[in-house]
Amino acid sequence: MSLSPVELRADVAALLGVSVEALDDAAPLTDQGLDSMRLITLIEQWRAKGTEVDFFTISSLPCLRDWESYVCGEGSI
Protein backbone atom coordinates (compact mmCIF):
# COMPACT_ATOMS: atom_id res chain seq x y z
CA MET A 1 0.00 0.00 0.00
CA SER A 2 1.46 3.38 -0.86
CA LEU A 3 0.80 6.63 0.90
CA SER A 4 -1.14 9.40 -0.76
CA PRO A 5 0.65 12.71 -1.34
CA VAL A 6 -1.69 14.27 1.24
CA GLU A 7 -0.67 11.70 3.88
CA LEU A 8 3.02 12.07 3.05
CA ARG A 9 2.86 15.86 3.38
CA ALA A 10 0.89 15.67 6.62
CA ASP A 11 3.39 13.22 8.12
CA VAL A 12 6.40 15.32 7.11
CA ALA A 13 4.82 18.56 8.33
CA ALA A 14 3.83 17.02 11.67
CA LEU A 15 7.32 15.66 12.22
CA LEU A 16 8.90 19.02 11.40
CA GLY A 17 6.36 20.92 13.50
CA VAL A 18 5.11 23.09 10.64
CA SER A 19 1.89 23.41 8.69
CA VAL A 20 1.52 21.53 5.43
CA GLU A 21 1.32 24.88 3.66
CA ALA A 22 4.74 25.86 5.06
CA LEU A 23 6.47 22.97 3.29
CA ASP A 24 8.41 24.01 0.19
CA ASP A 25 8.28 21.40 -2.61
CA ALA A 26 11.51 22.59 -4.20
CA ALA A 27 13.68 23.24 -1.13
CA PRO A 28 15.80 20.45 0.28
CA LEU A 29 14.08 18.90 3.27
CA THR A 30 17.32 19.19 5.23
CA ASP A 31 17.00 22.97 4.87
CA GLN A 32 13.49 22.66 6.30
CA GLY A 33 14.63 20.88 9.46
CA LEU A 34 14.82 17.21 8.48
CA ASP A 35 17.69 15.20 9.91
CA SER A 36 18.54 11.51 9.75
CA MET A 37 16.81 10.64 13.03
CA ARG A 38 13.58 12.28 11.89
CA LEU A 39 13.86 10.49 8.57
CA ILE A 40 14.19 7.15 10.34
CA THR A 41 11.10 8.02 12.40
CA LEU A 42 9.13 8.75 9.21
CA ILE A 43 10.26 5.56 7.54
CA GLU A 44 9.20 3.51 10.56
CA GLN A 45 5.78 5.24 10.60
CA TRP A 46 5.30 4.51 6.92
CA ARG A 47 6.41 0.91 7.27
CA ALA A 48 3.87 0.48 10.09
CA LYS A 49 1.22 1.69 7.59
CA GLY A 50 2.40 -0.87 5.04
CA THR A 51 4.55 1.35 2.83
CA GLU A 52 8.08 0.07 2.25
CA VAL A 53 10.64 2.87 1.96
CA ASP A 54 14.36 2.36 1.53
CA PHE A 55 16.42 4.67 3.77
CA PHE A 56 19.30 5.09 1.32
CA THR A 57 17.03 5.80 -1.63
CA ILE A 58 14.87 8.38 0.11
CA SER A 59 17.83 10.04 1.81
CA SER A 60 19.35 10.64 -1.63
CA LEU A 61 16.22 12.54 -2.73
CA PRO A 62 16.46 16.14 -1.54
CA CYS A 63 13.00 17.62 -2.11
CA LEU A 64 9.44 16.84 -1.13
CA ARG A 65 8.33 16.53 -4.74
CA ASP A 66 10.99 13.83 -5.23
CA TRP A 67 9.72 12.02 -2.14
CA GLU A 68 6.16 12.11 -3.49
CA SER A 69 7.31 10.54 -6.73
CA TYR A 70 9.24 7.80 -4.93
CA VAL A 71 6.92 7.03 -2.00
CA CYS A 72 3.52 7.71 -3.55
CA GLY A 73 4.22 6.25 -6.95
CA GLU A 74 3.61 9.52 -8.77
CA GLY A 75 6.32 8.64 -11.27
CA SER A 76 9.71 7.06 -11.12
CA ILE A 77 13.02 8.22 -9.75
PDB file of N, CA and C in Angstrom:
ATOM      1  N   MET A   1       0.854  -1.185   0.000  1.00  0.00           N
ATOM      2  CA  MET A   1       0.000   0.000   0.000  1.00  0.00           C
ATOM      3  C   MET A   1       0.889   1.234   0.000  1.00  0.00           C
ATOM      4  N   SER A   2       0.639   2.172  -0.903  1.00  0.00           N
ATOM      5  CA  SER A   2       1.455   3.383  -0.864  1.00  0.00           C
ATOM      6  C   SER A   2       0.665   4.530  -0.251  1.00  0.00           C
ATOM      7  N   LEU A   3       1.405   5.447   0.294  1.00  0.00           N
ATOM      8  CA  LEU A   3       0.802   6.631   0.895  1.00  0.00           C
ATOM      9  C   LEU A   3       0.277   7.558  -0.189  1.00  0.00           C
ATOM     10  N   SER A   4      -0.695   8.347   0.158  1.00  0.00           N
ATOM     11  CA  SER A   4      -1.139   9.402  -0.758  1.00  0.00           C
ATOM     12  C   SER A   4      -0.228  10.610  -0.546  1.00  0.00           C
ATOM     13  N   PRO A   5      -0.133  11.489  -1.531  1.00  0.00           N
ATOM     14  CA  PRO A   5       0.653  12.711  -1.344  1.00  0.00           C
ATOM     15  C   PRO A   5       0.171  13.531  -0.140  1.00  0.00           C
ATOM     16  N   VAL A   6      -1.140  13.526   0.103  1.00  0.00           N
ATOM     17  CA  VAL A   6      -1.687  14.271   1.243  1.00  0.00           C
ATOM     18  C   VAL A   6      -1.172  13.683   2.556  1.00  0.00           C
ATOM     19  N   GLU A   7      -1.174  12.353   2.667  1.00  0.00           N
ATOM     20  CA  GLU A   7      -0.672  11.696   3.880  1.00  0.00           C
ATOM     21  C   GLU A   7       0.821  11.954   4.061  1.00  0.00           C
ATOM     22  N   LEU A   8       1.581  11.841   2.977  1.00  0.00           N
ATOM     23  CA  LEU A   8       3.015  12.073   3.054  1.00  0.00           C
ATOM     24  C   LEU A   8       3.301  13.479   3.560  1.00  0.00           C
ATOM     25  N   ARG A   9       2.647  14.461   2.965  1.00  0.00           N
ATOM     26  CA  ARG A   9       2.862  15.857   3.377  1.00  0.00           C
ATOM     27  C   ARG A   9       2.456  16.088   4.827  1.00  0.00           C
ATOM     28  N   ALA A  10       1.350  15.507   5.229  1.00  0.00           N
ATOM     29  CA  ALA A  10       0.891  15.669   6.616  1.00  0.00           C
ATOM     30  C   ALA A  10       1.888  15.051   7.587  1.00  0.00           C
ATOM     31  N   ASP A  11       2.415  13.877   7.251  1.00  0.00           N
ATOM     32  CA  ASP A  11       3.394  13.222   8.116  1.00  0.00           C
ATOM     33  C   ASP A  11       4.678  14.034   8.228  1.00  0.00           C
ATOM     34  N   VAL A  12       5.171  14.530   7.104  1.00  0.00           N
ATOM     35  CA  VAL A  12       6.398  15.324   7.107  1.00  0.00           C
ATOM     36  C   VAL A  12       6.188  16.616   7.889  1.00  0.00           C
ATOM     37  N   ALA A  13       5.092  17.303   7.629  1.00  0.00           N
ATOM     38  CA  ALA A  13       4.816  18.555   8.328  1.00  0.00           C
ATOM     39  C   ALA A  13       4.701  18.341   9.837  1.00  0.00           C
ATOM     40  N   ALA A  14       3.990  17.297  10.237  1.00  0.00           N
ATOM     41  CA  ALA A  14       3.830  17.016  11.674  1.00  0.00           C
ATOM     42  C   ALA A  14       5.178  16.746  12.324  1.00  0.00           C
ATOM     43  N   LEU A  15       6.010  15.984  11.662  1.00  0.00           N
ATOM     44  CA  LEU A  15       7.320  15.658  12.223  1.00  0.00           C
ATOM     45  C   LEU A  15       8.205  16.897  12.345  1.00  0.00           C
ATOM     46  N   LEU A  16       8.081  17.801  11.383  1.00  0.00           N
ATOM     47  CA  LEU A  16       8.896  19.019  11.402  1.00  0.00           C
ATOM     48  C   LEU A  16       8.269  20.133  12.243  1.00  0.00           C
ATOM     49  N   GLY A  17       7.030  19.915  12.675  1.00  0.00           N
ATOM     50  CA  GLY A  17       6.364  20.918  13.497  1.00  0.00           C
ATOM     51  C   GLY A  17       5.944  22.160  12.741  1.00  0.00           C
ATOM     52  N   VAL A  18       5.566  21.965  11.470  1.00  0.00           N
ATOM     53  CA  VAL A  18       5.114  23.087  10.641  1.00  0.00           C
ATOM     54  C   VAL A  18       3.780  22.719  10.008  1.00  0.00           C
ATOM     55  N   SER A  19       3.126  23.696   9.418  1.00  0.00           N
ATOM     56  CA  SER A  19       1.893  23.407   8.691  1.00  0.00           C
ATOM     57  C   SER A  19       2.248  22.806   7.331  1.00  0.00           C
ATOM     58  N   VAL A  20       1.314  22.103   6.761  1.00  0.00           N
ATOM     59  CA  VAL A  20       1.518  21.534   5.429  1.00  0.00           C
ATOM     60  C   VAL A  20       1.812  22.645   4.428  1.00  0.00           C
ATOM     61  N   GLU A  21       1.136  23.758   4.579  1.00  0.00           N
ATOM     62  CA  GLU A  21       1.322  24.882   3.658  1.00  0.00           C
ATOM     63  C   GLU A  21       2.723  25.476   3.747  1.00  0.00           C
ATOM     64  N   ALA A  22       3.398  25.306   4.877  1.00  0.00           N
ATOM     65  CA  ALA A  22       4.738  25.857   5.059  1.00  0.00           C
ATOM     66  C   ALA A  22       5.818  25.036   4.371  1.00  0.00           C
ATOM     67  N   LEU A  23       5.491  23.808   3.975  1.00  0.00           N
ATOM     68  CA  LEU A  23       6.474  22.973   3.290  1.00  0.00           C
ATOM     69  C   LEU A  23       6.736  23.516   1.893  1.00  0.00           C
ATOM     70  N   ASP A  24       8.000  23.529   1.516  1.00  0.00           N
ATOM     71  CA  ASP A  24       8.410  24.009   0.192  1.00  0.00           C
ATOM     72  C   ASP A  24       8.784  22.792  -0.656  1.00  0.00           C
ATOM     73  N   ASP A  25       8.046  22.564  -1.736  1.00  0.00           N
ATOM     74  CA  ASP A  25       8.277  21.402  -2.609  1.00  0.00           C
ATOM     75  C   ASP A  25       9.678  21.353  -3.188  1.00  0.00           C
ATOM     76  N   ALA A  26      10.246  22.521  -3.477  1.00  0.00           N
ATOM     77  CA  ALA A  26      11.512  22.585  -4.201  1.00  0.00           C
ATOM     78  C   ALA A  26      12.732  22.718  -3.299  1.00  0.00           C
ATOM     79  N   ALA A  27      12.543  23.060  -2.044  1.00  0.00           N
ATOM     80  CA  ALA A  27      13.677  23.238  -1.129  1.00  0.00           C
ATOM     81  C   ALA A  27      14.082  21.903  -0.527  1.00  0.00           C
ATOM     82  N   PRO A  28      15.373  21.694  -0.370  1.00  0.00           N
ATOM     83  CA  PRO A  28      15.800  20.454   0.276  1.00  0.00           C
ATOM     84  C   PRO A  28      15.167  20.320   1.664  1.00  0.00           C
ATOM     85  N   LEU A  29      14.722  19.130   1.973  1.00  0.00           N
ATOM     86  CA  LEU A  29      14.081  18.903   3.272  1.00  0.00           C
ATOM     87  C   LEU A  29      15.054  19.103   4.423  1.00  0.00           C
ATOM     88  N   THR A  30      16.337  18.918   4.175  1.00  0.00           N
ATOM     89  CA  THR A  30      17.322  19.188   5.226  1.00  0.00           C
ATOM     90  C   THR A  30      17.358  20.672   5.575  1.00  0.00           C
ATOM     91  N   ASP A  31      17.075  21.519   4.609  1.00  0.00           N
ATOM     92  CA  ASP A  31      17.001  22.966   4.866  1.00  0.00           C
ATOM     93  C   ASP A  31      15.723  23.345   5.610  1.00  0.00           C
ATOM     94  N   GLN A  32      14.758  22.420   5.630  1.00  0.00           N
ATOM     95  CA  GLN A  32      13.486  22.665   6.305  1.00  0.00           C
ATOM     96  C   GLN A  32      13.426  21.998   7.683  1.00  0.00           C
ATOM     97  N   GLY A  33      14.559  21.428   8.118  1.00  0.00           N
ATOM     98  CA  GLY A  33      14.631  20.877   9.462  1.00  0.00           C
ATOM     99  C   GLY A  33      14.728  19.369   9.564  1.00  0.00           C
ATOM    100  N   LEU A  34      14.743  18.671   8.437  1.00  0.00           N
ATOM    101  CA  LEU A  34      14.819  17.213   8.481  1.00  0.00           C
ATOM    102  C   LEU A  34      16.251  16.776   8.764  1.00  0.00           C
ATOM    103  N   ASP A  35      16.397  15.830   9.671  1.00  0.00           N
ATOM    104  CA  ASP A  35      17.694  15.204   9.913  1.00  0.00           C
ATOM    105  C   ASP A  35      17.518  13.692   9.825  1.00  0.00           C
ATOM    106  N   SER A  36      18.604  12.962   9.958  1.00  0.00           N
ATOM    107  CA  SER A  36      18.539  11.511   9.751  1.00  0.00           C
ATOM    108  C   SER A  36      17.658  10.812  10.780  1.00  0.00           C
ATOM    109  N   MET A  37      17.651  11.276  12.010  1.00  0.00           N
ATOM    110  CA  MET A  37      16.807  10.643  13.028  1.00  0.00           C
ATOM    111  C   MET A  37      15.329  10.851  12.726  1.00  0.00           C
ATOM    112  N   ARG A  38      14.977  12.029  12.275  1.00  0.00           N
ATOM    113  CA  ARG A  38      13.581  12.280  11.893  1.00  0.00           C
ATOM    114  C   ARG A  38      13.201  11.458  10.677  1.00  0.00           C
ATOM    115  N   LEU A  39      14.139  11.304   9.747  1.00  0.00           N
ATOM    116  CA  LEU A  39      13.865  10.493   8.568  1.00  0.00           C
ATOM    117  C   LEU A  39      13.608   9.039   8.965  1.00  0.00           C
ATOM    118  N   ILE A  40      14.403   8.523   9.870  1.00  0.00           N
ATOM    119  CA  ILE A  40      14.190   7.148  10.341  1.00  0.00           C
ATOM    120  C   ILE A  40      12.816   7.019  10.996  1.00  0.00           C
ATOM    121  N   THR A  41      12.427   8.013  11.773  1.00  0.00           N
ATOM    122  CA  THR A  41      11.102   8.016  12.400  1.00  0.00           C
ATOM    123  C   THR A  41      10.002   7.952  11.344  1.00  0.00           C
ATOM    124  N   LEU A  42      10.122   8.762  10.293  1.00  0.00           N
ATOM    125  CA  LEU A  42       9.127   8.750   9.211  1.00  0.00           C
ATOM    126  C   LEU A  42       9.070   7.392   8.527  1.00  0.00           C
ATOM    127  N   ILE A  43      10.225   6.849   8.220  1.00  0.00           N
ATOM    128  CA  ILE A  43      10.264   5.559   7.540  1.00  0.00           C
ATOM    129  C   ILE A  43       9.583   4.492   8.383  1.00  0.00           C
ATOM    130  N   GLU A  44       9.833   4.497   9.676  1.00  0.00           N
ATOM    131  CA  GLU A  44       9.197   3.512  10.561  1.00  0.00           C
ATOM    132  C   GLU A  44       7.678   3.715  10.614  1.00  0.00           C
ATOM    133  N   GLN A  45       7.228   4.956  10.632  1.00  0.00           N
ATOM    134  CA  GLN A  45       5.782   5.239  10.604  1.00  0.00           C
ATOM    135  C   GLN A  45       5.170   4.692   9.325  1.00  0.00           C
ATOM    136  N   TRP A  46       5.829   4.943   8.216  1.00  0.00           N
ATOM    137  CA  TRP A  46       5.302   4.511   6.924  1.00  0.00           C
ATOM    138  C   TRP A  46       5.326   2.997   6.799  1.00  0.00           C
ATOM    139  N   ARG A  47       6.359   2.376   7.308  1.00  0.00           N
ATOM    140  CA  ARG A  47       6.406   0.909   7.274  1.00  0.00           C
ATOM    141  C   ARG A  47       5.283   0.320   8.108  1.00  0.00           C
ATOM    142  N   ALA A  48       4.978   0.947   9.236  1.00  0.00           N
ATOM    143  CA  ALA A  48       3.874   0.482  10.087  1.00  0.00           C
ATOM    144  C   ALA A  48       2.537   0.596   9.354  1.00  0.00           C
ATOM    145  N   LYS A  49       2.442   1.520   8.399  1.00  0.00           N
ATOM    146  CA  LYS A  49       1.223   1.687   7.594  1.00  0.00           C
ATOM    147  C   LYS A  49       1.233   0.793   6.353  1.00  0.00           C
ATOM    148  N   GLY A  50       2.324   0.039   6.168  1.00  0.00           N
ATOM    149  CA  GLY A  50       2.398  -0.873   5.040  1.00  0.00           C
ATOM    150  C   GLY A  50       3.120  -0.340   3.819  1.00  0.00           C
ATOM    151  N   THR A  51       3.812   0.774   3.944  1.00  0.00           N
ATOM    152  CA  THR A  51       4.551   1.348   2.826  1.00  0.00           C
ATOM    153  C   THR A  51       6.039   1.109   3.042  1.00  0.00           C
ATOM    154  N   GLU A  52       6.647   0.351   2.145  1.00  0.00           N
ATOM    155  CA  GLU A  52       8.081   0.075   2.246  1.00  0.00           C
ATOM    156  C   GLU A  52       8.865   1.238   1.643  1.00  0.00           C
ATOM    157  N   VAL A  53       9.797   1.766   2.410  1.00  0.00           N
ATOM    158  CA  VAL A  53      10.636   2.869   1.964  1.00  0.00           C
ATOM    159  C   VAL A  53      12.077   2.517   2.302  1.00  0.00           C
ATOM    160  N   ASP A  54      12.952   2.641   1.323  1.00  0.00           N
ATOM    161  CA  ASP A  54      14.365   2.362   1.527  1.00  0.00           C
ATOM    162  C   ASP A  54      15.072   3.625   2.020  1.00  0.00           C
ATOM    163  N   PHE A  55      15.755   3.515   3.172  1.00  0.00           N
ATOM    164  CA  PHE A  55      16.423   4.673   3.775  1.00  0.00           C
ATOM    165  C   PHE A  55      17.408   5.321   2.810  1.00  0.00           C
ATOM    166  N   PHE A  56      18.252   4.528   2.178  1.00  0.00           N
ATOM    167  CA  PHE A  56      19.297   5.091   1.324  1.00  0.00           C
ATOM    168  C   PHE A  56      18.717   5.756   0.082  1.00  0.00           C
ATOM    169  N   THR A  57      17.662   5.194  -0.452  1.00  0.00           N
ATOM    170  CA  THR A  57      17.029   5.798  -1.630  1.00  0.00           C
ATOM    171  C   THR A  57      16.394   7.129  -1.271  1.00  0.00           C
ATOM    172  N   ILE A  58      15.572   7.136  -0.219  1.00  0.00           N
ATOM    173  CA  ILE A  58      14.865   8.382   0.110  1.00  0.00           C
ATOM    174  C   ILE A  58      15.824   9.450   0.621  1.00  0.00           C
ATOM    175  N   SER A  59      16.886   9.043   1.310  1.00  0.00           N
ATOM    176  CA  SER A  59      17.829  10.044   1.815  1.00  0.00           C
ATOM    177  C   SER A  59      18.625  10.689   0.681  1.00  0.00           C
ATOM    178  N   SER A  60      18.659  10.045  -0.478  1.00  0.00           N
ATOM    179  CA  SER A  60      19.349  10.637  -1.627  1.00  0.00           C
ATOM    180  C   SER A  60      18.455  11.606  -2.402  1.00  0.00           C
ATOM    181  N   LEU A  61      17.177  11.661  -2.050  1.00  0.00           N
ATOM    182  CA  LEU A  61      16.224  12.540  -2.725  1.00  0.00           C
ATOM    183  C   LEU A  61      16.044  13.796  -1.874  1.00  0.00           C
ATOM    184  N   PRO A  62      16.431  14.952  -2.389  1.00  0.00           N
ATOM    185  CA  PRO A  62      16.462  16.135  -1.538  1.00  0.00           C
ATOM    186  C   PRO A  62      15.119  16.813  -1.257  1.00  0.00           C
ATOM    187  N   CYS A  63      14.207  16.776  -2.197  1.00  0.00           N
ATOM    188  CA  CYS A  63      13.004  17.625  -2.108  1.00  0.00           C
ATOM    189  C   CYS A  63      11.717  16.815  -1.924  1.00  0.00           C
ATOM    190  N   LEU A  64      10.731  17.475  -1.380  1.00  0.00           N
ATOM    191  CA  LEU A  64       9.440  16.845  -1.128  1.00  0.00           C
ATOM    192  C   LEU A  64       8.810  16.299  -2.406  1.00  0.00           C
ATOM    193  N   ARG A  65       8.925  17.017  -3.490  1.00  0.00           N
ATOM    194  CA  ARG A  65       8.333  16.528  -4.745  1.00  0.00           C
ATOM    195  C   ARG A  65       8.994  15.231  -5.195  1.00  0.00           C
ATOM    196  N   ASP A  66      10.303  15.082  -4.919  1.00  0.00           N
ATOM    197  CA  ASP A  66      10.990  13.833  -5.232  1.00  0.00           C
ATOM    198  C   ASP A  66      10.486  12.697  -4.345  1.00  0.00           C
ATOM    199  N   TRP A  67      10.249  13.015  -3.073  1.00  0.00           N
ATOM    200  CA  TRP A  67       9.718  12.017  -2.144  1.00  0.00           C
ATOM    201  C   TRP A  67       8.342  11.547  -2.593  1.00  0.00           C
ATOM    202  N   GLU A  68       7.501  12.480  -3.015  1.00  0.00           N
ATOM    203  CA  GLU A  68       6.161  12.112  -3.489  1.00  0.00           C
ATOM    204  C   GLU A  68       6.255  11.147  -4.660  1.00  0.00           C
ATOM    205  N   SER A  69       7.162  11.421  -5.571  1.00  0.00           N
ATOM    206  CA  SER A  69       7.315  10.540  -6.726  1.00  0.00           C
ATOM    207  C   SER A  69       7.761   9.155  -6.294  1.00  0.00           C
ATOM    208  N   TYR A  70       8.711   9.080  -5.385  1.00  0.00           N
ATOM    209  CA  TYR A  70       9.236   7.801  -4.932  1.00  0.00           C
ATOM    210  C   TYR A  70       8.257   7.044  -4.026  1.00  0.00           C
ATOM    211  N   VAL A  71       7.749   7.705  -3.010  1.00  0.00           N
ATOM    212  CA  VAL A  71       6.916   7.032  -2.004  1.00  0.00           C
ATOM    213  C   VAL A  71       5.486   6.800  -2.487  1.00  0.00           C
ATOM    214  N   CYS A  72       4.940   7.776  -3.172  1.00  0.00           N
ATOM    215  CA  CYS A  72       3.521   7.712  -3.549  1.00  0.00           C
ATOM    216  C   CYS A  72       3.301   7.126  -4.941  1.00  0.00           C
ATOM    217  N   GLY A  73       4.374   6.843  -5.627  1.00  0.00           N
ATOM    218  CA  GLY A  73       4.222   6.250  -6.954  1.00  0.00           C
ATOM    219  C   GLY A  73       3.728   7.215  -7.997  1.00  0.00           C
ATOM    220  N   GLU A  74       4.071   8.481  -7.830  1.00  0.00           N
ATOM    221  CA  GLU A  74       3.610   9.517  -8.765  1.00  0.00           C
ATOM    222  C   GLU A  74       4.511   9.594  -9.994  1.00  0.00           C
ATOM    223  N   GLY A  75       5.370   8.642 -10.166  1.00  0.00           N
ATOM    224  CA  GLY A  75       6.318   8.636 -11.270  1.00  0.00           C
ATOM    225  C   GLY A  75       7.468   7.748 -10.860  1.00  0.00           C
ATOM    226  N   SER A  76       8.571   7.883 -11.505  1.00  0.00           N
ATOM    227  CA  SER A  76       9.711   7.058 -11.118  1.00  0.00           C
ATOM    228  C   SER A  76      10.945   7.923 -10.951  1.00  0.00           C
ATOM    229  N   ILE A  77      11.762   7.515 -10.032  1.00  0.00           N
ATOM    230  CA  ILE A  77      13.020   8.224  -9.752  1.00  0.00           C
ATOM    231  C   ILE A  77      14.142   7.400 -10.348  1.00  0.00           C
TER     232      ILE A  77
END
